[in-house]
N, C-alpha and C. Protein backbone atom coordinates (compact mmCIF):
# COMPACT_ATOMS: atom_id res chain seq x y z
N UNK A 1 40.50 83.30 260.69
CA UNK A 1 40.13 83.95 259.45
C UNK A 1 38.97 84.91 259.74
N UNK A 2 39.03 86.13 259.25
CA UNK A 2 37.94 87.08 259.48
C UNK A 2 36.62 86.59 258.89
N UNK A 3 35.55 87.03 259.49
CA UNK A 3 34.22 86.60 259.05
C UNK A 3 33.98 86.91 257.58
N UNK A 4 34.40 88.07 257.12
CA UNK A 4 34.18 88.45 255.72
C UNK A 4 34.93 87.53 254.76
N UNK A 5 36.09 87.05 255.16
CA UNK A 5 36.85 86.13 254.31
C UNK A 5 36.14 84.79 254.20
N UNK A 6 35.59 84.30 255.30
CA UNK A 6 34.84 83.05 255.28
C UNK A 6 33.62 83.18 254.37
N UNK A 7 32.96 84.32 254.45
CA UNK A 7 31.80 84.56 253.61
C UNK A 7 32.19 84.53 252.13
N UNK A 8 33.28 85.20 251.77
CA UNK A 8 33.72 85.23 250.37
C UNK A 8 34.08 83.84 249.87
N UNK A 9 34.72 83.04 250.70
CA UNK A 9 35.06 81.67 250.30
C UNK A 9 33.78 80.89 250.00
N UNK A 10 32.78 81.05 250.84
CA UNK A 10 31.51 80.36 250.63
C UNK A 10 30.83 80.82 249.35
N UNK A 11 30.85 82.12 249.10
CA UNK A 11 30.23 82.67 247.89
C UNK A 11 30.93 82.13 246.65
N UNK A 12 32.24 82.15 246.65
CA UNK A 12 33.01 81.65 245.50
C UNK A 12 32.74 80.16 245.29
N UNK A 13 32.71 79.40 246.36
CA UNK A 13 32.45 77.97 246.27
C UNK A 13 31.07 77.71 245.65
N UNK A 14 30.07 78.43 246.11
CA UNK A 14 28.71 78.26 245.57
C UNK A 14 28.64 78.66 244.11
N UNK A 15 29.32 79.72 243.73
CA UNK A 15 29.33 80.15 242.33
C UNK A 15 29.98 79.10 241.45
N UNK A 16 31.06 78.52 241.93
CA UNK A 16 31.78 77.49 241.18
C UNK A 16 30.87 76.30 240.87
N UNK A 17 30.14 75.85 241.87
CA UNK A 17 29.30 74.68 241.68
C UNK A 17 28.00 75.01 240.95
N UNK A 18 27.53 76.23 241.06
CA UNK A 18 26.39 76.65 240.26
C UNK A 18 26.78 76.68 238.78
N UNK A 19 27.97 77.16 238.50
CA UNK A 19 28.46 77.18 237.13
C UNK A 19 28.60 75.77 236.58
N UNK A 20 29.06 74.84 237.41
CA UNK A 20 29.21 73.46 236.99
C UNK A 20 27.85 72.84 236.65
N UNK A 21 26.85 73.12 237.46
CA UNK A 21 25.51 72.61 237.20
C UNK A 21 24.97 73.19 235.90
N UNK A 22 25.20 74.47 235.67
CA UNK A 22 24.76 75.11 234.44
C UNK A 22 25.44 74.49 233.23
N UNK A 23 26.73 74.21 233.34
CA UNK A 23 27.45 73.57 232.23
C UNK A 23 26.89 72.19 231.95
N UNK A 24 26.58 71.45 232.99
CA UNK A 24 26.02 70.11 232.83
C UNK A 24 24.66 70.18 232.14
N UNK A 25 23.84 71.10 232.56
CA UNK A 25 22.52 71.28 231.94
C UNK A 25 22.63 71.72 230.49
N UNK A 26 23.72 72.41 230.14
CA UNK A 26 23.94 72.86 228.77
C UNK A 26 24.50 71.75 227.88
N UNK A 27 24.79 70.60 228.49
CA UNK A 27 25.23 69.46 227.70
C UNK A 27 26.74 69.24 227.65
N UNK A 28 27.48 69.98 228.46
CA UNK A 28 28.93 69.77 228.50
C UNK A 28 29.20 68.46 229.22
N UNK A 29 30.10 67.69 228.68
CA UNK A 29 30.40 66.37 229.24
C UNK A 29 30.98 66.50 230.65
N UNK A 30 30.61 65.52 231.47
CA UNK A 30 31.01 65.54 232.88
C UNK A 30 32.53 65.51 233.05
N UNK A 31 33.24 64.83 232.15
CA UNK A 31 34.70 64.78 232.30
C UNK A 31 35.34 66.14 232.04
N UNK A 32 34.73 66.95 231.20
CA UNK A 32 35.23 68.31 230.96
C UNK A 32 34.98 69.17 232.20
N UNK A 33 33.78 69.06 232.76
CA UNK A 33 33.46 69.80 233.98
C UNK A 33 34.37 69.37 235.11
N UNK A 34 34.64 68.08 235.18
CA UNK A 34 35.53 67.53 236.21
C UNK A 34 36.90 68.19 236.13
N UNK A 35 37.43 68.35 234.94
CA UNK A 35 38.75 68.98 234.79
C UNK A 35 38.70 70.45 235.18
N UNK A 36 37.62 71.12 234.81
CA UNK A 36 37.49 72.54 235.16
C UNK A 36 37.47 72.72 236.67
N UNK A 37 36.74 71.84 237.36
CA UNK A 37 36.62 71.95 238.82
C UNK A 37 37.87 71.47 239.54
N UNK A 38 38.68 70.69 238.86
CA UNK A 38 39.87 70.17 239.50
C UNK A 38 39.60 68.94 240.34
N UNK A 39 38.48 68.26 240.10
CA UNK A 39 38.16 67.05 240.83
C UNK A 39 38.70 65.84 240.07
N UNK A 40 39.14 64.86 240.80
CA UNK A 40 39.75 63.70 240.19
C UNK A 40 38.84 62.47 240.15
N UNK A 41 37.74 62.52 240.90
CA UNK A 41 36.83 61.39 240.94
C UNK A 41 35.44 61.84 240.51
N UNK A 42 34.79 61.04 239.68
CA UNK A 42 33.43 61.36 239.26
C UNK A 42 32.50 61.46 240.47
N UNK A 43 32.71 60.60 241.47
CA UNK A 43 31.82 60.58 242.62
C UNK A 43 31.78 61.94 243.33
N UNK A 44 32.89 62.66 243.34
CA UNK A 44 32.92 63.99 243.94
C UNK A 44 32.02 64.93 243.16
N UNK A 45 32.12 64.88 241.83
CA UNK A 45 31.29 65.75 241.00
C UNK A 45 29.81 65.45 241.20
N UNK A 46 29.44 64.18 241.17
CA UNK A 46 28.04 63.82 241.31
C UNK A 46 27.49 64.22 242.67
N UNK A 47 28.28 64.04 243.70
CA UNK A 47 27.82 64.38 245.06
C UNK A 47 27.60 65.88 245.19
N UNK A 48 28.54 66.66 244.72
CA UNK A 48 28.44 68.10 244.89
C UNK A 48 27.40 68.74 243.98
N UNK A 49 27.12 68.09 242.84
CA UNK A 49 26.15 68.64 241.91
C UNK A 49 24.78 68.01 242.08
N UNK A 50 24.60 67.20 243.12
CA UNK A 50 23.31 66.58 243.44
C UNK A 50 22.74 65.78 242.27
N UNK A 51 23.59 64.96 241.70
CA UNK A 51 23.16 64.11 240.58
C UNK A 51 22.85 62.73 241.10
């Protein structure tokens, strides 16, 4: 994979999880955020969002 493609994947990944943290701070329930992210286990959400 070209270097620029790897960079874009990383940027998109970081944006996705930054948005999830913002939603959590805004009071959106974790199960709603879980569905948006496509994660099936709460433990994945908590680990990635540093909760």
